C-alpha atoms as a PDB file:
ATOM      1  CA  UNK A   1     -24.665   9.977 -22.871  1.00  0.00           C
ATOM      2  CA  UNK A   2     -22.798   7.901 -25.452  1.00  0.00           C
ATOM      3  CA  UNK A   3     -21.142   9.890 -28.247  1.00  0.00           C
ATOM      4  CA  UNK A   4     -20.632   9.087 -31.947  1.00  0.00           C
ATOM      5  CA  UNK A   5     -17.650   6.895 -31.143  1.00  0.00           C
ATOM      6  CA  UNK A   6     -19.411   4.910 -28.391  1.00  0.00           C
ATOM      7  CA  UNK A   7     -17.629   6.751 -25.610  1.00  0.00           C
ATOM      8  CA  UNK A   8     -19.616   7.477 -22.435  1.00  0.00           C
ATOM      9  CA  UNK A   9     -18.366   9.764 -19.679  1.00  0.00           C
ATOM     10  CA  UNK A  10     -19.106   8.543 -16.156  1.00  0.00           C
ATOM     11  CA  UNK A  11     -19.084  10.988 -13.267  1.00  0.00           C
ATOM     12  CA  UNK A  12     -17.558   8.887 -10.495  1.00  0.00           C
ATOM     13  CA  UNK A  13     -19.014  11.189  -7.828  1.00  0.00           C
ATOM     14  CA  UNK A  14     -15.677  11.715  -6.110  1.00  0.00           C
ATOM     15  CA  UNK A  15     -15.873  14.800  -3.817  1.00  0.00           C
ATOM     16  CA  UNK A  16     -18.329  16.743  -6.004  1.00  0.00           C
ATOM     17  CA  UNK A  17     -20.116  16.505  -9.366  1.00  0.00           C
ATOM     18  CA  UNK A  18     -17.936  17.272 -12.368  1.00  0.00           C
ATOM     19  CA  UNK A  19     -14.630  16.583 -10.624  1.00  0.00           C
ATOM     20  CA  UNK A  20     -13.575  13.056 -11.562  1.00  0.00           C
ATOM     21  CA  UNK A  21     -14.432  11.145 -14.734  1.00  0.00           C
ATOM     22  CA  UNK A  22     -14.189   7.572 -15.921  1.00  0.00           C
ATOM     23  CA  UNK A  23     -14.849   6.635 -19.540  1.00  0.00           C
ATOM     24  CA  UNK A  24     -16.724   3.652 -20.944  1.00  0.00           C
ATOM     25  CA  UNK A  25     -15.736   2.670 -24.492  1.00  0.00           C
ATOM     26  CA  UNK A  26     -17.972   0.182 -26.321  1.00  0.00           C
ATOM     27  CA  UNK A  27     -17.152  -1.735 -29.503  1.00  0.00           C
ATOM     28  CA  UNK A  28     -19.196  -4.541 -31.041  1.00  0.00           C
ATOM     29  CA  UNK A  29     -20.969  -5.212 -27.770  1.00  0.00           C
ATOM     30  CA  UNK A  30     -17.779  -5.386 -25.694  1.00  0.00           C
ATOM     31  CA  UNK A  31     -16.548  -2.657 -23.354  1.00  0.00           C
ATOM     32  CA  UNK A  32     -13.475  -1.135 -21.761  1.00  0.00           C
ATOM     33  CA  UNK A  33     -13.515   1.165 -18.742  1.00  0.00           C
ATOM     34  CA  UNK A  34     -10.770   3.790 -18.600  1.00  0.00           C
ATOM     35  CA  UNK A  35     -10.077   4.997 -15.047  1.00  0.00           C
ATOM     36  CA  UNK A  36     -12.570   4.244 -12.305  1.00  0.00           C
ATOM     37  CA  UNK A  37     -12.497   6.649  -9.358  1.00  0.00           C
ATOM     38  CA  UNK A  38     -11.932   5.768  -5.726  1.00  0.00           C
ATOM     39  CA  UNK A  39     -13.126   2.640  -3.935  1.00  0.00           C
ATOM     40  CA  UNK A  40     -16.100   4.552  -2.562  1.00  0.00           C
ATOM     41  CA  UNK A  41     -17.140   5.296  -6.178  1.00  0.00           C
ATOM     42  CA  UNK A  42     -17.272   1.648  -7.297  1.00  0.00           C
ATOM     43  CA  UNK A  43     -21.023   1.156  -6.986  1.00  0.00           C
ATOM     44  CA  UNK A  44     -21.729   4.422  -8.797  1.00  0.00           C
ATOM     45  CA  UNK A  45     -19.503   3.291 -11.678  1.00  0.00           C
ATOM     46  CA  UNK A  46     -21.240  -0.090 -11.810  1.00  0.00           C
ATOM     47  CA  UNK A  47     -24.628   1.640 -11.865  1.00  0.00           C
ATOM     48  CA  UNK A  48     -23.453   3.795 -14.781  1.00  0.00           C
ATOM     49  CA  UNK A  49     -22.312   0.715 -16.709  1.00  0.00           C
ATOM     50  CA  UNK A  50     -25.745  -0.824 -16.121  1.00  0.00           C
ATOM     51  CA  UNK A  51     -27.484   2.415 -17.182  1.00  0.00           C
ATOM     52  CA  UNK A  52     -25.449   2.454 -20.407  1.00  0.00           C
ATOM     53  CA  UNK A  53     -27.001  -0.909 -21.302  1.00  0.00           C
ATOM     54  CA  UNK A  54     -23.689  -2.770 -21.035  1.00  0.00           C
ATOM     55  CA  UNK A  55     -23.762  -6.150 -19.325  1.00  0.00           C
ATOM     56  CA  UNK A  56     -21.138  -6.485 -16.613  1.00  0.00           C
ATOM     57  CA  UNK A  57     -19.978  -9.686 -18.315  1.00  0.00           C
ATOM     58  CA  UNK A  58     -19.253  -7.637 -21.470  1.00  0.00           C
ATOM     59  CA  UNK A  59     -16.616  -5.453 -19.812  1.00  0.00           C
ATOM     60  CA  UNK A  60     -13.328  -6.980 -20.947  1.00  0.00           C
ATOM     61  CA  UNK A  61     -10.875  -4.353 -19.776  1.00  0.00           C
ATOM     62  CA  UNK A  62     -10.286  -1.865 -16.982  1.00  0.00           C
ATOM     63  CA  UNK A  63      -7.470   0.491 -17.956  1.00  0.00           C
ATOM     64  CA  UNK A  64      -6.086   2.750 -15.224  1.00  0.00           C
ATOM     65  CA  UNK A  65      -3.942   5.586 -16.554  1.00  0.00           C
ATOM     66  CA  UNK A  66      -2.030   5.629 -13.264  1.00  0.00           C
ATOM     67  CA  UNK A  67      -2.504   4.318  -9.762  1.00  0.00           C
ATOM     68  CA  UNK A  68      -3.436   7.492  -7.880  1.00  0.00           C
ATOM     69  CA  UNK A  69      -6.555   6.541  -5.987  1.00  0.00           C
ATOM     70  CA  UNK A  70      -8.960   8.894  -7.764  1.00  0.00           C
ATOM     71  CA  UNK A  71      -8.115   6.944 -10.926  1.00  0.00           C
ATOM     72  CA  UNK A  72      -7.497   3.421  -9.693  1.00  0.00           C
ATOM     73  CA  UNK A  73      -8.806   3.070  -6.133  1.00  0.00           C
ATOM     74  CA  UNK A  74     -11.972   1.272  -7.278  1.00  0.00           C
ATOM     75  CA  UNK A  75     -10.043  -1.266  -9.366  1.00  0.00           C
ATOM     76  CA  UNK A  76     -10.220  -4.056  -6.777  1.00  0.00           C
ATOM     77  CA  UNK A  77     -13.987  -3.881  -6.128  1.00  0.00           C
ATOM     78  CA  UNK A  78     -14.698  -3.454  -9.864  1.00  0.00           C
ATOM     79  CA  UNK A  79     -12.554  -6.402 -10.932  1.00  0.00           C
ATOM     80  CA  UNK A  80     -14.479  -8.437  -8.366  1.00  0.00           C
ATOM     81  CA  UNK A  81     -17.815  -7.275  -9.843  1.00  0.00           C
ATOM     82  CA  UNK A  82     -16.844  -7.510 -13.542  1.00  0.00           C
ATOM     83  CA  UNK A  83     -16.175 -11.223 -14.028  1.00  0.00           C
ATOM     84  CA  UNK A  84     -14.374 -11.044 -17.400  1.00  0.00           C
ATOM     85  CA  UNK A  85     -12.439  -7.816 -16.932  1.00  0.00           C
ATOM     86  CA  UNK A  86      -8.676  -7.650 -16.736  1.00  0.00           C
ATOM     87  CA  UNK A  87      -6.794  -4.710 -15.277  1.00  0.00           C
ATOM     88  CA  UNK A  88      -4.328  -2.910 -17.579  1.00  0.00           C
ATOM     89  CA  UNK A  89      -1.747  -0.966 -15.580  1.00  0.00           C
ATOM     90  CA  UNK A  90       1.661   0.649 -16.036  1.00  0.00           C
ATOM     91  CA  UNK A  91       4.555  -1.639 -15.031  1.00  0.00           C
ATOM     92  CA  UNK A  92       5.498   0.713 -12.185  1.00  0.00           C
ATOM     93  CA  UNK A  93       1.919   0.630 -10.894  1.00  0.00           C
ATOM     94  CA  UNK A  94       1.147  -3.077 -11.196  1.00  0.00           C
ATOM     95  CA  UNK A  95       2.713  -4.150  -7.863  1.00  0.00           C
ATOM     96  CA  UNK A  96       0.605  -1.532  -6.043  1.00  0.00           C
ATOM     97  CA  UNK A  97      -2.615  -2.867  -7.538  1.00  0.00           C
ATOM     98  CA  UNK A  98      -1.744  -6.414  -6.529  1.00  0.00           C
ATOM     99  CA  UNK A  99      -0.751  -5.259  -3.028  1.00  0.00           C
ATOM    100  CA  UNK A 100      -2.134  -1.754  -2.306  1.00  0.00           C
ATOM    101  CA  UNK A 101      -0.585  -1.469   1.169  1.00  0.00           C
ATOM    102  CA  UNK A 102       1.806   1.338   0.214  1.00  0.00           C
ATOM    103  CA  UNK A 103      -0.855   3.164  -1.794  1.00  0.00           C
ATOM    104  CA  UNK A 104      -3.152   3.138   1.216  1.00  0.00           C
ATOM    105  CA  UNK A 105      -0.412   4.382   3.542  1.00  0.00           C
ATOM    106  CA  UNK A 106       0.506   7.174   1.120  1.00  0.00           C
ATOM    107  CA  UNK A 107      -3.112   8.281   0.715  1.00  0.00           C
ATOM    108  CA  UNK A 108      -3.595   8.380   4.476  1.00  0.00           C
ATOM    109  CA  UNK A 109      -0.491  10.559   4.778  1.00  0.00           C
ATOM    110  CA  UNK A 110      -1.814  13.022   2.162  1.00  0.00           C
ATOM    111  CA  UNK A 111      -5.519  13.099   3.046  1.00  0.00           C
ATOM    112  CA  UNK A 112      -5.632  12.004   6.695  1.00  0.00           C
ATOM    113  CA  UNK A 113      -7.397   9.037   8.279  1.00  0.00           C
ATOM    114  CA  UNK A 114     -10.902  10.565   8.294  1.00  0.00           C
ATOM    115  CA  UNK A 115     -10.903  11.628   4.634  1.00  0.00           C
ATOM    116  CA  UNK A 116      -9.326   8.326   3.633  1.00  0.00           C
ATOM    117  CA  UNK A 117     -12.071   6.341   5.329  1.00  0.00           C
ATOM    118  CA  UNK A 118     -14.747   8.516   3.708  1.00  0.00           C
ATOM    119  CA  UNK A 119     -13.398   8.562   0.151  1.00  0.00           C
ATOM    120  CA  UNK A 120     -11.215   5.474  -0.163  1.00  0.00           C
ATOM    121  CA  UNK A 121     -12.562   2.887   2.241  1.00  0.00           C
ATOM    122  CA  UNK A 122     -13.163  -0.510   0.653  1.00  0.00           C
ATOM    123  CA  UNK A 123     -10.000  -0.774  -1.424  1.00  0.00           C
ATOM    124  CA  UNK A 124      -9.174  -4.339  -2.434  1.00  0.00           C
ATOM    125  CA  UNK A 125      -6.157  -5.996  -4.050  1.00  0.00           C
ATOM    126  CA  UNK A 126      -6.470  -7.155  -7.658  1.00  0.00           C
ATOM    127  CA  UNK A 127      -5.617 -10.839  -8.236  1.00  0.00           C
ATOM    128  CA  UNK A 128      -2.272 -11.038 -10.026  1.00  0.00           C
ATOM    129  CA  UNK A 129      -3.640 -13.364 -12.698  1.00  0.00           C
ATOM    130  CA  UNK A 130      -6.073 -10.643 -13.804  1.00  0.00           C
ATOM    131  CA  UNK A 131      -3.413  -7.941 -14.153  1.00  0.00           C
ATOM    132  CA  UNK A 132      -1.950  -7.047 -17.569  1.00  0.00           C
ATOM    133  CA  UNK A 133       1.197  -4.915 -17.547  1.00  0.00           C
ATOM    134  CA  UNK A 134       1.154  -2.206 -20.219  1.00  0.00           C
ATOM    135  CA  UNK A 135       4.650  -1.315 -21.365  1.00  0.00           C
ATOM    136  CA  UNK A 136       5.057   1.624 -23.728  1.00  0.00           C
ATOM    137  CA  UNK A 137       3.285   0.727 -26.981  1.00  0.00           C
ATOM    138  CA  UNK A 138       1.068  -1.974 -25.490  1.00  0.00           C
ATOM    139  CA  UNK A 139      -2.149  -2.440 -27.499  1.00  0.00           C
ATOM    140  CA  UNK A 140      -5.429  -3.463 -25.872  1.00  0.00           C
ATOM    141  CA  UNK A 141      -7.742  -5.188 -28.339  1.00  0.00           C
ATOM    142  CA  UNK A 142     -11.334  -4.185 -27.653  1.00  0.00           C
ATOM    143  CA  UNK A 143     -13.312  -6.369 -30.082  1.00  0.00           C
ATOM    144  CA  UNK A 144     -11.091  -5.210 -32.933  1.00  0.00           C
ATOM    145  CA  UNK A 145     -10.713  -1.608 -31.730  1.00  0.00           C
ATOM    146  CA  UNK A 146      -7.100  -0.886 -30.812  1.00  0.00           C
ATOM    147  CA  UNK A 147      -6.439   1.095 -27.637  1.00  0.00           C
ATOM    148  CA  UNK A 148      -2.760   2.064 -27.591  1.00  0.00           C
ATOM    149  CA  UNK A 149      -1.071   2.637 -24.226  1.00  0.00           C
ATOM    150  CA  UNK A 150       1.728   5.220 -24.380  1.00  0.00           C
ATOM    151  CA  UNK A 151       4.081   6.035 -21.507  1.00  0.00           C
ATOM    152  CA  UNK A 152       3.461   9.649 -20.418  1.00  0.00           C
ATOM    153  CA  UNK A 153       5.329  10.458 -17.177  1.00  0.00           C
ATOM    154  CA  UNK A 154       5.568  13.890 -15.599  1.00  0.00           C
ATOM    155  CA  UNK A 155       2.514  13.864 -13.364  1.00  0.00           C
ATOM    156  CA  UNK A 156       3.568  10.403 -12.169  1.00  0.00           C
ATOM    157  CA  UNK A 157       6.180   7.897 -13.314  1.00  0.00           C
ATOM    158  CA  UNK A 158       3.486   5.197 -13.433  1.00  0.00           C
ATOM    159  CA  UNK A 159       1.308   7.056 -15.968  1.00  0.00           C
ATOM    160  CA  UNK A 160       0.286   6.041 -19.468  1.00  0.00           C
ATOM    161  CA  UNK A 161      -2.231   7.641 -21.827  1.00  0.00           C
ATOM    162  CA  UNK A 162      -4.548   5.767 -24.182  1.00  0.00           C
ATOM    163  CA  UNK A 163      -4.795   6.574 -27.901  1.00  0.00           C
ATOM    164  CA  UNK A 164      -8.053   5.642 -29.612  1.00  0.00           C
ATOM    165  CA  UNK A 165      -7.446   5.884 -33.368  1.00  0.00           C
ATOM    166  CA  UNK A 166     -11.144   5.475 -34.151  1.00  0.00           C
ATOM    167  CA  UNK A 167     -12.093   8.746 -32.431  1.00  0.00           C
ATOM    168  CA  UNK A 168      -8.616  10.278 -32.899  1.00  0.00           C
ATOM    169  CA  UNK A 169      -8.594  11.107 -29.223  1.00  0.00           C
ATOM    170  CA  UNK A 170      -6.492  10.535 -26.137  1.00  0.00           C
ATOM    171  CA  UNK A 171      -7.602   9.405 -22.728  1.00  0.00           C
ATOM    172  CA  UNK A 172      -4.910  11.316 -20.894  1.00  0.00           C
ATOM    173  CA  UNK A 173      -5.656  10.850 -17.190  1.00  0.00           C
ATOM    174  CA  UNK A 174      -3.794  13.736 -15.530  1.00  0.00           C
ATOM    175  CA  UNK A 175      -1.050  14.241 -18.127  1.00  0.00           C
ATOM    176  CA  UNK A 176      -3.046  16.891 -19.999  1.00  0.00           C
ATOM    177  CA  UNK A 177      -3.971  18.742 -16.839  1.00  0.00           C
ATOM    178  CA  UNK A 178      -7.241  19.788 -15.213  1.00  0.00           C
ATOM    179  CA  UNK A 179     -10.070  21.433 -17.144  1.00  0.00           C
ATOM    180  CA  UNK A 180     -13.279  21.909 -15.204  1.00  0.00           C
ATOM    181  CA  UNK A 181     -16.397  22.654 -17.179  1.00  0.00           C
ATOM    182  CA  UNK A 182     -17.443  25.415 -14.743  1.00  0.00           C
ATOM    183  CA  UNK A 183     -14.739  27.603 -16.318  1.00  0.00           C
ATOM    184  CA  UNK A 184     -15.869  27.116 -19.926  1.00  0.00           C
ATOM    185  CA  UNK A 185     -16.932  30.299 -21.700  1.00  0.00           C
ATOM    186  CA  UNK A 186     -16.944  31.829 -25.156  1.00  0.00           C
ATOM    187  CA  UNK A 187     -13.156  31.635 -25.200  1.00  0.00           C
ATOM    188  CA  UNK A 188     -13.261  27.859 -24.810  1.00  0.00           C
ATOM    189  CA  UNK A 189     -11.854  25.667 -22.062  1.00  0.00           C
ATOM    190  CA  UNK A 190      -9.600  26.807 -19.213  1.00  0.00           C
ATOM    191  CA  UNK A 191      -6.791  24.442 -18.246  1.00  0.00           C
ATOM    192  CA  UNK A 192      -3.977  24.080 -15.719  1.00  0.00           C
ATOM    193  CA  UNK A 193      -1.344  21.409 -15.010  1.00  0.00           C
ATOM    194  CA  UNK A 194      -1.604  19.038 -12.078  1.00  0.00           C
ATOM    195  CA  UNK A 195       1.625  18.676 -10.088  1.00  0.00           C
ATOM    196  CA  UNK A 196       0.169  16.784  -7.130  1.00  0.00           C
ATOM    197  CA  UNK A 197       2.385  14.546  -4.944  1.00  0.00           C
ATOM    198  CA  UNK A 198       4.674  12.773  -5.277  1.00  0.00           C
ATOM    199  CA  UNK A 199       6.391  12.321  -8.656  1.00  0.00           C
ATOM    200  CA  UNK A 200       5.962  15.598 -10.554  1.00  0.00           C
ATOM    201  CA  UNK A 201       8.770  16.207 -13.026  1.00  0.00           C
ATOM    202  CA  UNK A 202       8.487  19.346 -15.187  1.00  0.00           C
ATOM    203  CA  UNK A 203      10.643  18.236 -18.119  1.00  0.00           C
ATOM    204  CA  UNK A 204       8.950  14.851 -18.326  1.00  0.00           C
ATOM    205  CA  UNK A 205       5.557  16.550 -18.287  1.00  0.00           C
ATOM    206  CA  UNK A 206       6.581  18.937 -21.075  1.00  0.00           C
ATOM    207  CA  UNK A 207       7.773  15.964 -23.132  1.00  0.00           C
ATOM    208  CA  UNK A 208       4.615  13.945 -22.487  1.00  0.00           C
ATOM    209  CA  UNK A 209       2.336  16.806 -23.535  1.00  0.00           C
ATOM    210  CA  UNK A 210       4.356  17.121 -26.757  1.00  0.00           C
ATOM    211  CA  UNK A 211       4.001  13.382 -27.326  1.00  0.00           C
ATOM    212  CA  UNK A 212       0.216  13.653 -27.046  1.00  0.00           C
ATOM    213  CA  UNK A 213       0.120  16.621 -29.401  1.00  0.00           C
ATOM    214  CA  UNK A 214       2.310  14.876 -31.993  1.00  0.00           C
ATOM    215  CA  UNK A 215      -0.626  12.587 -32.818  1.00  0.00           C
ATOM    216  CA  UNK A 216      -2.705  15.620 -33.956  1.00  0.00           C
ATOM    217  CA  UNK A 217      -5.643  14.591 -31.766  1.00  0.00           C
ATOM    218  CA  UNK A 218      -9.172  15.773 -32.496  1.00  0.00           C
ATOM    219  CA  UNK A 219      -9.788  15.901 -28.736  1.00  0.00           C
ATOM    220  CA  UNK A 220      -8.418  14.796 -25.389  1.00  0.00           C
ATOM    221  CA  UNK A 221     -10.420  13.212 -22.561  1.00  0.00           C
ATOM    222  CA  UNK A 222      -9.090  14.364 -19.185  1.00  0.00           C
ATOM    223  CA  UNK A 223     -10.039  12.807 -15.895  1.00  0.00           C
ATOM    224  CA  UNK A 224     -10.777  16.185 -14.313  1.00  0.00           C
ATOM    225  CA  UNK A 225     -13.067  16.717 -16.232  1.00  0.00           C
ATOM    226  CA  UNK A 226     -14.380  15.685 -19.643  1.00  0.00           C
ATOM    227  CA  UNK A 227     -13.458  16.063 -23.298  1.00  0.00           C
ATOM    228  CA  UNK A 228     -11.562  19.109 -24.581  1.00  0.00           C
ATOM    229  CA  UNK A 229     -10.707  20.277 -28.085  1.00  0.00           C
ATOM    230  CA  UNK A 230      -8.388  23.078 -29.223  1.00  0.00           C
ATOM    231  CA  UNK A 231      -5.541  20.802 -28.209  1.00  0.00           C
ATOM    232  CA  UNK A 232      -2.717  23.002 -29.526  1.00  0.00           C
ATOM    233  CA  UNK A 233      -3.941  26.075 -27.630  1.00  0.00           C
ATOM    234  CA  UNK A 234      -4.427  24.127 -24.417  1.00  0.00           C
ATOM    235  CA  UNK A 235      -1.018  22.451 -24.752  1.00  0.00           C
ATOM    236  CA  UNK A 236       0.611  25.872 -25.089  1.00  0.00           C
ATOM    237  CA  UNK A 237      -1.257  27.001 -21.962  1.00  0.00           C
ATOM    238  CA  UNK A 238      -0.005  23.965 -20.071  1.00  0.00           C
ATOM    239  CA  UNK A 239       3.610  24.476 -21.148  1.00  0.00           C
ATOM    240  CA  UNK A 240       3.535  28.128 -20.076  1.00  0.00           C
ATOM    241  CA  UNK A 241       2.016  27.306 -16.722  1.00  0.00           C
ATOM    242  CA  UNK A 242       4.432  24.462 -15.938  1.00  0.00           C
ATOM    243  CA  UNK A 243       7.288  26.949 -16.321  1.00  0.00           C
ATOM    244  CA  UNK A 244       5.461  29.601 -14.274  1.00  0.00           C
ATOM    245  CA  UNK A 245       4.665  27.120 -11.495  1.00  0.00           C
ATOM    246  CA  UNK A 246       8.283  25.946 -11.347  1.00  0.00           C
ATOM    247  CA  UNK A 247       9.388  29.588 -11.088  1.00  0.00           C
ATOM    248  CA  UNK A 248       6.940  30.176  -8.212  1.00  0.00           C
ATOM    249  CA  UNK A 249       8.289  27.127  -6.392  1.00  0.00           C
ATOM    250  CA  UNK A 250      11.934  28.083  -6.912  1.00  0.00           C
ATOM    251  CA  UNK A 251      11.263  31.627  -5.658  1.00  0.00           C
ATOM    252  CA  UNK A 252       9.818  30.178  -2.441  1.00  0.00           C
ATOM    253  CA  UNK A 253      12.748  27.830  -1.809  1.00  0.00           C
ATOM    254  CA  UNK A 254      14.681  28.584   1.365  1.00  0.00           C
ATOM    255  CA  UNK A 255      11.827  30.412   3.102  1.00  0.00           C
ATOM    256  CA  UNK A 256      10.329  29.073   6.331  1.00  0.00           C
ATOM    257  CA  UNK A 257       6.850  29.630   4.903  1.00  0.00           C
ATOM    258  CA  UNK A 258       7.695  27.986   1.580  1.00  0.00           C
ATOM    259  CA  UNK A 259       4.425  26.091   1.256  1.00  0.00           C
ATOM    260  CA  UNK A 260       2.287  29.157   1.970  1.00  0.00           C
ATOM    261  CA  UNK A 261       4.266  31.170  -0.577  1.00  0.00           C
ATOM    262  CA  UNK A 262       3.725  28.499  -3.235  1.00  0.00           C
ATOM    263  CA  UNK A 263      -0.010  28.336  -2.446  1.00  0.00           C
ATOM    264  CA  UNK A 264      -0.334  32.116  -2.719  1.00  0.00           C
ATOM    265  CA  UNK A 265       1.718  32.189  -5.914  1.00  0.00           C
ATOM    266  CA  UNK A 266      -0.385  29.491  -7.572  1.00  0.00           C
ATOM    267  CA  UNK A 267      -3.626  31.199  -6.564  1.00  0.00           C
ATOM    268  CA  UNK A 268      -2.354  34.472  -8.060  1.00  0.00           C
ATOM    269  CA  UNK A 269      -1.214  32.732 -11.273  1.00  0.00           C
ATOM    270  CA  UNK A 270      -4.498  30.918 -11.832  1.00  0.00           C
ATOM    271  CA  UNK A 271      -6.510  34.037 -10.989  1.00  0.00           C
ATOM    272  CA  UNK A 272      -4.558  36.104 -13.504  1.00  0.00           C
ATOM    273  CA  UNK A 273      -4.982  33.465 -16.187  1.00  0.00           C
ATOM    274  CA  UNK A 274      -8.690  33.136 -15.395  1.00  0.00           C
ATOM    275  CA  UNK A 275      -9.123  36.904 -15.824  1.00  0.00           C
ATOM    276  CA  UNK A 276      -7.251  36.727 -19.128  1.00  0.00           C
ATOM    277  CA  UNK A 277      -9.625  33.944 -20.162  1.00  0.00           C
ATOM    278  CA  UNK A 278     -12.596  36.218 -19.478  1.00  0.00           C
ATOM    279  CA  UNK A 279     -13.882  34.452 -16.366  1.00  0.00           C
ATOM    280  CA  UNK A 280     -16.072  36.707 -14.234  1.00  0.00           C
ATOM    281  CA  UNK A 281     -15.191  37.133 -10.558  1.00  0.00           C
ATOM    282  CA  UNK A 282     -11.992  35.182 -11.198  1.00  0.00           C
ATOM    283  CA  UNK A 283     -10.438  35.479  -7.724  1.00  0.00           C
ATOM    284  CA  UNK A 284     -13.519  34.122  -5.972  1.00  0.00           C
ATOM    285  CA  UNK A 285     -14.157  31.344  -8.486  1.00  0.00           C
ATOM    286  CA  UNK A 286     -10.548  30.172  -8.562  1.00  0.00           C
ATOM    287  CA  UNK A 287     -10.502  29.783  -4.781  1.00  0.00           C
ATOM    288  CA  UNK A 288     -13.982  28.235  -4.761  1.00  0.00           C
ATOM    289  CA  UNK A 289     -13.312  25.615  -7.448  1.00  0.00           C
ATOM    290  CA  UNK A 290      -9.542  25.135  -7.387  1.00  0.00           C
ATOM    291  CA  UNK A 291      -8.693  25.414  -3.678  1.00  0.00           C
ATOM    292  CA  UNK A 292      -8.063  21.675  -3.260  1.00  0.00           C
ATOM    293  CA  UNK A 293      -6.032  21.484  -6.470  1.00  0.00           C
ATOM    294  CA  UNK A 294      -3.931  24.490  -5.427  1.00  0.00           C
ATOM    295  CA  UNK A 295      -3.081  22.761  -2.152  1.00  0.00           C
ATOM    296  CA  UNK A 296      -2.153  19.474  -3.858  1.00  0.00           C
ATOM    297  CA  UNK A 297      -0.174  21.240  -6.589  1.00  0.00           C
ATOM    298  CA  UNK A 298       1.760  23.161  -3.925  1.00  0.00           C
ATOM    299  CA  UNK A 299       2.529  19.933  -2.066  1.00  0.00           C
ATOM    300  CA  UNK A 300       3.764  18.296  -5.264  1.00  0.00           C
ATOM    301  CA  UNK A 301       5.960  21.263  -6.153  1.00  0.00           C
ATOM    302  CA  UNK A 302       7.474  21.207  -2.669  1.00  0.00           C
ATOM    303  CA  UNK A 303       8.323  17.517  -2.950  1.00  0.00           C
ATOM    304  CA  UNK A 304       9.848  18.152  -6.382  1.00  0.00           C
ATOM    305  CA  UNK A 305      11.969  21.008  -4.986  1.00  0.00           C
ATOM    306  CA  UNK A 306      13.342  18.752  -2.249  1.00  0.00           C
ATOM    307  CA  UNK A 307      14.085  15.980  -4.742  1.00  0.00           C
ATOM    308  CA  UNK A 308      15.673  18.408  -7.210  1.00  0.00           C
ATOM    309  CA  UNK A 309      17.900  19.852  -4.478  1.00  0.00           C
ATOM    310  CA  UNK A 310      19.469  16.415  -3.996  1.00  0.00           C
END
């Protein structure tokens, strides 16, 4: 459904419903797609563009907040199917969109060959002439509507967020964490940071969240999943949890079962916060909904510990 500001959320269908979003922004009959899911999601995204009444020839831009495959894996097939679209990507990510060999190898290492084939098969390179590099402050002109790309590292060094002044909202990819709608209740949205492999940096993430908040946004669109308000409260939650997650990781350092300790610590942290948020049966629901994110966050924290030790 398209909102007041001509923003449509697209469920990319990655893994399960309500997990991974792309956003279609329309202005004066022209469109930009922000994030796009994995390669296996490409047809679903194209079908959603069609269902929104937007001609494929009217899509001028595909902006990927960063090049993790749940955000950018479908870029190659979509650029092939959207004849006028150009890909807007962070300068650190551009080479990996033009030649995704290293991205593919990294994803196989994280997810395994079977899961990669299921969720990411069909990745294609993006022709270099259709790639636009978005340095900090780059403005995408969508039929007169300015989409400002702002460098927001912390989750990844190749991450930018997109400021839409018309709606006074950010498209923040993974910088503003994960907020699944299943956890919404009378106390509002529930949120947690994402520290997945391989470039998590706590201070950079703190700084990036502050940079988003400095714009006094009315709302923030996160990739996982949807639009959230109460930005100051959620930012404070994210800051507190980044520090708590770093403390959990540091306490596990030096132990043979470091990864298991981090996993258990994260599960306990999120369960406690879910109870504080008023979520019923918090322990069961946290494991049911967040199990995959806990594993990835633990992996990312472990990689950060090893890097920090050097």
